[in-house]
Amino acid sequence: MVQGPVRIEMPDGSVVESDRFMVALCVCKRSKNYPLCDTSHRRRRRSGAGEKADKLDQRPA
């Protein structure tokens, strides 16, 4: 989280600005509004959690 307003200069020279009082920067690079966070990371399902539970259920008794 960064206190706004912010002005971010991207590596390609483009500039992203936000006049909000608090801004979240995206580090997962899934945001459609990159480099600003749009909470896209919340929609990702973890692949390891389900597999681990399945393996536990398959143990011999």
PDB file of N, CA and C in Angstrom:
ATOM      1  N   MET A   1       0.848  -1.162   0.000  1.00  0.00           N
ATOM      2  CA  MET A   1       0.000   0.000   0.000  1.00  0.00           C
ATOM      3  C   MET A   1       0.903   1.237   0.000  1.00  0.00           C
ATOM      4  N   VAL A   2       0.504   2.191  -0.822  1.00  0.00           N
ATOM      5  CA  VAL A   2       1.251   3.434  -0.964  1.00  0.00           C
ATOM      6  C   VAL A   2       0.275   4.584  -0.786  1.00  0.00           C
ATOM      7  N   GLN A   3       0.683   5.577  -0.009  1.00  0.00           N
ATOM      8  CA  GLN A   3      -0.161   6.752   0.141  1.00  0.00           C
ATOM      9  C   GLN A   3      -0.169   7.537  -1.146  1.00  0.00           C
ATOM     10  N   GLY A   4      -1.369   7.888  -1.595  1.00  0.00           N
ATOM     11  CA  GLY A   4      -1.507   8.604  -2.852  1.00  0.00           C
ATOM     12  C   GLY A   4      -1.577  10.089  -2.646  1.00  0.00           C
ATOM     13  N   PRO A   5      -1.705  10.823  -3.694  1.00  0.00           N
ATOM     14  CA  PRO A   5      -1.737  10.389  -5.096  1.00  0.00           C
ATOM     15  C   PRO A   5      -0.355   9.917  -5.553  1.00  0.00           C
ATOM     16  N   VAL A   6      -0.350   9.039  -6.566  1.00  0.00           N
ATOM     17  CA  VAL A   6       0.916   8.484  -7.058  1.00  0.00           C
ATOM     18  C   VAL A   6       1.046   8.692  -8.563  1.00  0.00           C
ATOM     19  N   ARG A   7       2.284   8.733  -8.990  1.00  0.00           N
ATOM     20  CA  ARG A   7       2.640   8.802 -10.414  1.00  0.00           C
ATOM     21  C   ARG A   7       3.759   7.792 -10.598  1.00  0.00           C
ATOM     22  N   ILE A   8       3.519   6.766 -11.418  1.00  0.00           N
ATOM     23  CA  ILE A   8       4.483   5.684 -11.609  1.00  0.00           C
ATOM     24  C   ILE A   8       4.949   5.701 -13.050  1.00  0.00           C
ATOM     25  N   GLU A   9       6.250   5.792 -13.231  1.00  0.00           N
ATOM     26  CA  GLU A   9       6.826   5.730 -14.570  1.00  0.00           C
ATOM     27  C   GLU A   9       7.256   4.296 -14.830  1.00  0.00           C
ATOM     28  N   MET A  10       6.692   3.686 -15.861  1.00  0.00           N
ATOM     29  CA  MET A  10       6.960   2.299 -16.206  1.00  0.00           C
ATOM     30  C   MET A  10       8.265   2.199 -17.009  1.00  0.00           C
ATOM     31  N   PRO A  11       8.851   0.988 -17.067  1.00  0.00           N
ATOM     32  CA  PRO A  11      10.100   0.793 -17.817  1.00  0.00           C
ATOM     33  C   PRO A  11      10.009   1.213 -19.288  1.00  0.00           C
ATOM     34  N   ASP A  12       8.810   1.088 -19.886  1.00  0.00           N
ATOM     35  CA  ASP A  12       8.666   1.459 -21.294  1.00  0.00           C
ATOM     36  C   ASP A  12       8.441   2.964 -21.492  1.00  0.00           C
ATOM     37  N   GLY A  13       8.449   3.723 -20.387  1.00  0.00           N
ATOM     38  CA  GLY A  13       8.298   5.165 -20.481  1.00  0.00           C
ATOM     39  C   GLY A  13       6.878   5.667 -20.252  1.00  0.00           C
ATOM     40  N   SER A  14       5.903   4.762 -20.262  1.00  0.00           N
ATOM     41  CA  SER A  14       4.524   5.187 -20.007  1.00  0.00           C
ATOM     42  C   SER A  14       4.362   5.568 -18.538  1.00  0.00           C
ATOM     43  N   VAL A  15       3.352   6.371 -18.268  1.00  0.00           N
ATOM     44  CA  VAL A  15       3.124   6.862 -16.913  1.00  0.00           C
ATOM     45  C   VAL A  15       1.734   6.432 -16.449  1.00  0.00           C
ATOM     46  N   VAL A  16       1.673   5.905 -15.220  1.00  0.00           N
ATOM     47  CA  VAL A  16       0.409   5.513 -14.603  1.00  0.00           C
ATOM     48  C   VAL A  16       0.184   6.436 -13.415  1.00  0.00           C
ATOM     49  N   GLU A  17      -0.989   7.049 -13.358  1.00  0.00           N
ATOM     50  CA  GLU A  17      -1.291   7.978 -12.274  1.00  0.00           C
ATOM     51  C   GLU A  17      -2.560   7.549 -11.560  1.00  0.00           C
ATOM     52  N   SER A  18      -2.596   7.807 -10.254  1.00  0.00           N
ATOM     53  CA  SER A  18      -3.796   7.575  -9.463  1.00  0.00           C
ATOM     54  C   SER A  18      -3.911   8.702  -8.445  1.00  0.00           C
ATOM     55  N   ASP A  19      -5.098   9.276  -8.343  1.00  0.00           N
ATOM     56  CA  ASP A  19      -5.296  10.360  -7.383  1.00  0.00           C
ATOM     57  C   ASP A  19      -5.974   9.871  -6.103  1.00  0.00           C
ATOM     58  N   ARG A  20      -6.074   8.556  -5.932  1.00  0.00           N
ATOM     59  CA  ARG A  20      -6.669   7.985  -4.721  1.00  0.00           C
ATOM     60  C   ARG A  20      -5.772   8.242  -3.519  1.00  0.00           C
ATOM     61  N   PHE A  21      -6.344   8.247  -2.325  1.00  0.00           N
ATOM     62  CA  PHE A  21      -5.558   8.540  -1.130  1.00  0.00           C
ATOM     63  C   PHE A  21      -4.707   7.357  -0.687  1.00  0.00           C
ATOM     64  N   MET A  22      -5.058   6.132  -1.121  1.00  0.00           N
ATOM     65  CA  MET A  22      -4.273   4.940  -0.821  1.00  0.00           C
ATOM     66  C   MET A  22      -4.309   4.044  -2.044  1.00  0.00           C
ATOM     67  N   VAL A  23      -3.155   3.533  -2.457  1.00  0.00           N
ATOM     68  CA  VAL A  23      -3.045   2.737  -3.677  1.00  0.00           C
ATOM     69  C   VAL A  23      -2.314   1.442  -3.363  1.00  0.00           C
ATOM     70  N   ALA A  24      -2.825   0.324  -3.878  1.00  0.00           N
ATOM     71  CA  ALA A  24      -2.158  -0.964  -3.738  1.00  0.00           C
ATOM     72  C   ALA A  24      -1.412  -1.264  -5.027  1.00  0.00           C
ATOM     73  N   LEU A  25      -0.151  -1.603  -4.908  1.00  0.00           N
ATOM     74  CA  LEU A  25       0.648  -1.957  -6.076  1.00  0.00           C
ATOM     75  C   LEU A  25       0.582  -3.462  -6.296  1.00  0.00           C
ATOM     76  N   CYS A  26       0.480  -3.873  -7.539  1.00  0.00           N
ATOM     77  CA  CYS A  26       0.385  -5.278  -7.897  1.00  0.00           C
ATOM     78  C   CYS A  26       1.779  -5.896  -7.952  1.00  0.00           C
ATOM     79  N   VAL A  27       1.936  -7.039  -7.283  1.00  0.00           N
ATOM     80  CA  VAL A  27       3.205  -7.761  -7.372  1.00  0.00           C
ATOM     81  C   VAL A  27       3.035  -9.128  -8.035  1.00  0.00           C
ATOM     82  N   CYS A  28       1.782  -9.561  -8.244  1.00  0.00           N
ATOM     83  CA  CYS A  28       1.540 -10.866  -8.874  1.00  0.00           C
ATOM     84  C   CYS A  28       1.463 -10.757 -10.399  1.00  0.00           C
ATOM     85  N   LYS A  29       1.305  -9.561 -10.918  1.00  0.00           N
ATOM     86  CA  LYS A  29       1.207  -9.271 -12.355  1.00  0.00           C
ATOM     87  C   LYS A  29      -0.014  -9.886 -13.028  1.00  0.00           C
ATOM     88  N   ARG A  30      -1.064 -10.180 -12.263  1.00  0.00           N
ATOM     89  CA  ARG A  30      -2.313 -10.678 -12.835  1.00  0.00           C
ATOM     90  C   ARG A  30      -3.319  -9.558 -13.058  1.00  0.00           C
ATOM     91  N   SER A  31      -3.035  -8.396 -12.524  1.00  0.00           N
ATOM     92  CA  SER A  31      -3.959  -7.266 -12.577  1.00  0.00           C
ATOM     93  C   SER A  31      -4.166  -6.771 -14.004  1.00  0.00           C
ATOM     94  N   LYS A  32      -5.415  -6.491 -14.341  1.00  0.00           N
ATOM     95  CA  LYS A  32      -5.710  -5.887 -15.644  1.00  0.00           C
ATOM     96  C   LYS A  32      -5.399  -4.401 -15.614  1.00  0.00           C
ATOM     97  N   ASN A  33      -5.135  -3.894 -14.431  1.00  0.00           N
ATOM     98  CA  ASN A  33      -4.830  -2.483 -14.235  1.00  0.00           C
ATOM     99  C   ASN A  33      -3.379  -2.322 -13.753  1.00  0.00           C
ATOM    100  N   TYR A  34      -2.503  -3.279 -14.136  1.00  0.00           N
ATOM    101  CA  TYR A  34      -1.103  -3.290 -13.696  1.00  0.00           C
ATOM    102  C   TYR A  34      -0.426  -1.967 -14.026  1.00  0.00           C
ATOM    103  N   PRO A  35       0.319  -1.371 -13.139  1.00  0.00           N
ATOM    104  CA  PRO A  35       0.906  -1.854 -11.892  1.00  0.00           C
ATOM    105  C   PRO A  35       0.042  -1.643 -10.661  1.00  0.00           C
ATOM    106  N   LEU A  36      -1.213  -1.261 -10.846  1.00  0.00           N
ATOM    107  CA  LEU A  36      -2.104  -1.096  -9.707  1.00  0.00           C
ATOM    108  C   LEU A  36      -2.881  -2.392  -9.482  1.00  0.00           C
ATOM    109  N   CYS A  37      -3.080  -2.759  -8.228  1.00  0.00           N
ATOM    110  CA  CYS A  37      -3.757  -4.003  -7.882  1.00  0.00           C
ATOM    111  C   CYS A  37      -5.259  -3.888  -8.120  1.00  0.00           C
ATOM    112  N   ASP A  38      -5.852  -4.930  -8.732  1.00  0.00           N
ATOM    113  CA  ASP A  38      -7.304  -4.991  -8.886  1.00  0.00           C
ATOM    114  C   ASP A  38      -7.869  -6.243  -8.196  1.00  0.00           C
ATOM    115  N   THR A  39      -7.108  -6.838  -7.315  1.00  0.00           N
ATOM    116  CA  THR A  39      -7.424  -8.054  -6.531  1.00  0.00           C
ATOM    117  C   THR A  39      -7.591  -9.303  -7.393  1.00  0.00           C
ATOM    118  N   SER A  40      -7.003  -9.334  -8.571  1.00  0.00           N
ATOM    119  CA  SER A  40      -7.069 -10.524  -9.423  1.00  0.00           C
ATOM    120  C   SER A  40      -6.430 -11.728  -8.735  1.00  0.00           C
ATOM    121  N   HIS A  41      -5.467 -11.504  -7.862  1.00  0.00           N
ATOM    122  CA  HIS A  41      -4.792 -12.593  -7.171  1.00  0.00           C
ATOM    123  C   HIS A  41      -5.754 -13.392  -6.296  1.00  0.00           C
ATOM    124  N   ARG A  42      -6.858 -12.806  -5.887  1.00  0.00           N
ATOM    125  CA  ARG A  42      -7.831 -13.502  -5.038  1.00  0.00           C
ATOM    126  C   ARG A  42      -8.600 -14.566  -5.796  1.00  0.00           C
ATOM    127  N   ARG A  43      -8.685 -14.468  -7.110  1.00  0.00           N
ATOM    128  CA  ARG A  43      -9.459 -15.419  -7.910  1.00  0.00           C
ATOM    129  C   ARG A  43      -8.658 -16.670  -8.265  1.00  0.00           C
ATOM    130  N   ARG A  44      -7.385 -16.714  -7.935  1.00  0.00           N
ATOM    131  CA  ARG A  44      -6.547 -17.866  -8.280  1.00  0.00           C
ATOM    132  C   ARG A  44      -6.759 -18.980  -7.268  1.00  0.00           C
ATOM    133  N   ARG A  45      -6.957 -20.192  -7.750  1.00  0.00           N
ATOM    134  CA  ARG A  45      -7.106 -21.341  -6.864  1.00  0.00           C
ATOM    135  C   ARG A  45      -5.738 -21.945  -6.624  1.00  0.00           C
ATOM    136  N   ARG A  46      -5.501 -22.365  -5.428  1.00  0.00           N
ATOM    137  CA  ARG A  46      -4.231 -23.011  -5.104  1.00  0.00           C
ATOM    138  C   ARG A  46      -4.291 -24.461  -5.545  1.00  0.00           C
ATOM    139  N   SER A  47      -3.310 -24.881  -6.310  1.00  0.00           N
ATOM    140  CA  SER A  47      -3.319 -26.246  -6.819  1.00  0.00           C
ATOM    141  C   SER A  47      -2.808 -27.227  -5.772  1.00  0.00           C
ATOM    142  N   GLY A  48      -1.913 -26.822  -4.920  1.00  0.00           N
ATOM    143  CA  GLY A  48      -1.317 -27.714  -3.929  1.00  0.00           C
ATOM    144  C   GLY A  48      -2.262 -28.143  -2.832  1.00  0.00           C
ATOM    145  N   ALA A  49      -3.198 -27.310  -2.425  1.00  0.00           N
ATOM    146  CA  ALA A  49      -4.075 -27.608  -1.295  1.00  0.00           C
ATOM    147  C   ALA A  49      -4.993 -28.795  -1.599  1.00  0.00           C
ATOM    148  N   GLY A  50      -5.615 -28.818  -2.765  1.00  0.00           N
ATOM    149  CA  GLY A  50      -6.519 -29.904  -3.125  1.00  0.00           C
ATOM    150  C   GLY A  50      -5.798 -31.221  -3.323  1.00  0.00           C
ATOM    151  N   GLU A  51      -4.639 -31.179  -3.938  1.00  0.00           N
ATOM    152  CA  GLU A  51      -3.859 -32.386  -4.177  1.00  0.00           C
ATOM    153  C   GLU A  51      -3.432 -33.016  -2.870  1.00  0.00           C
ATOM    154  N   LYS A  52      -3.048 -32.201  -1.917  1.00  0.00           N
ATOM    155  CA  LYS A  52      -2.597 -32.705  -0.629  1.00  0.00           C
ATOM    156  C   LYS A  52      -3.740 -33.406   0.094  1.00  0.00           C
ATOM    157  N   ALA A  53      -4.918 -32.815   0.064  1.00  0.00           N
ATOM    158  CA  ALA A  53      -6.089 -33.417   0.706  1.00  0.00           C
ATOM    159  C   ALA A  53      -6.439 -34.742   0.035  1.00  0.00           C
ATOM    160  N   ASP A  54      -6.352 -34.811  -1.302  1.00  0.00           N
ATOM    161  CA  ASP A  54      -6.653 -36.044  -2.022  1.00  0.00           C
ATOM    162  C   ASP A  54      -5.681 -37.148  -1.639  1.00  0.00           C
ATOM    163  N   LYS A  55      -4.423 -36.833  -1.496  1.00  0.00           N
ATOM    164  CA  LYS A  55      -3.408 -37.831  -1.130  1.00  0.00           C
ATOM    165  C   LYS A  55      -3.661 -38.360   0.272  1.00  0.00           C
ATOM    166  N   LEU A  56      -4.101 -37.510   1.176  1.00  0.00           N
ATOM    167  CA  LEU A  56      -4.378 -37.952   2.535  1.00  0.00           C
ATOM    168  C   LEU A  56      -5.544 -38.931   2.567  1.00  0.00           C
ATOM    169  N   ASP A  57      -6.537 -38.723   1.714  1.00  0.00           N
ATOM    170  CA  ASP A  57      -7.702 -39.603   1.662  1.00  0.00           C
ATOM    171  C   ASP A  57      -7.372 -40.966   1.059  1.00  0.00           C
ATOM    172  N   GLN A  58      -6.287 -41.066   0.305  1.00  0.00           N
ATOM    173  CA  GLN A  58      -5.956 -42.309  -0.396  1.00  0.00           C
ATOM    174  C   GLN A  58      -4.990 -43.196   0.394  1.00  0.00           C
ATOM    175  N   ARG A  59      -4.665 -42.851   1.624  1.00  0.00           N
ATOM    176  CA  ARG A  59      -3.748 -43.682   2.408  1.00  0.00           C
ATOM    177  C   ARG A  59      -4.412 -45.014   2.780  1.00  0.00           C
ATOM    178  N   PRO A  60      -3.636 -46.091   2.807  1.00  0.00           N
ATOM    179  CA  PRO A  60      -4.204 -47.370   3.213  1.00  0.00           C
ATOM    180  C   PRO A  60      -4.590 -47.339   4.692  1.00  0.00           C
ATOM    181  N   ALA A  61      -5.645 -48.057   5.051  1.00  0.00           N
ATOM    182  CA  ALA A  61      -6.138 -48.061   6.429  1.00  0.00           C
ATOM    183  C   ALA A  61      -5.354 -48.970   7.333  1.00  0.00           C
TER     184      ALA A  61
END
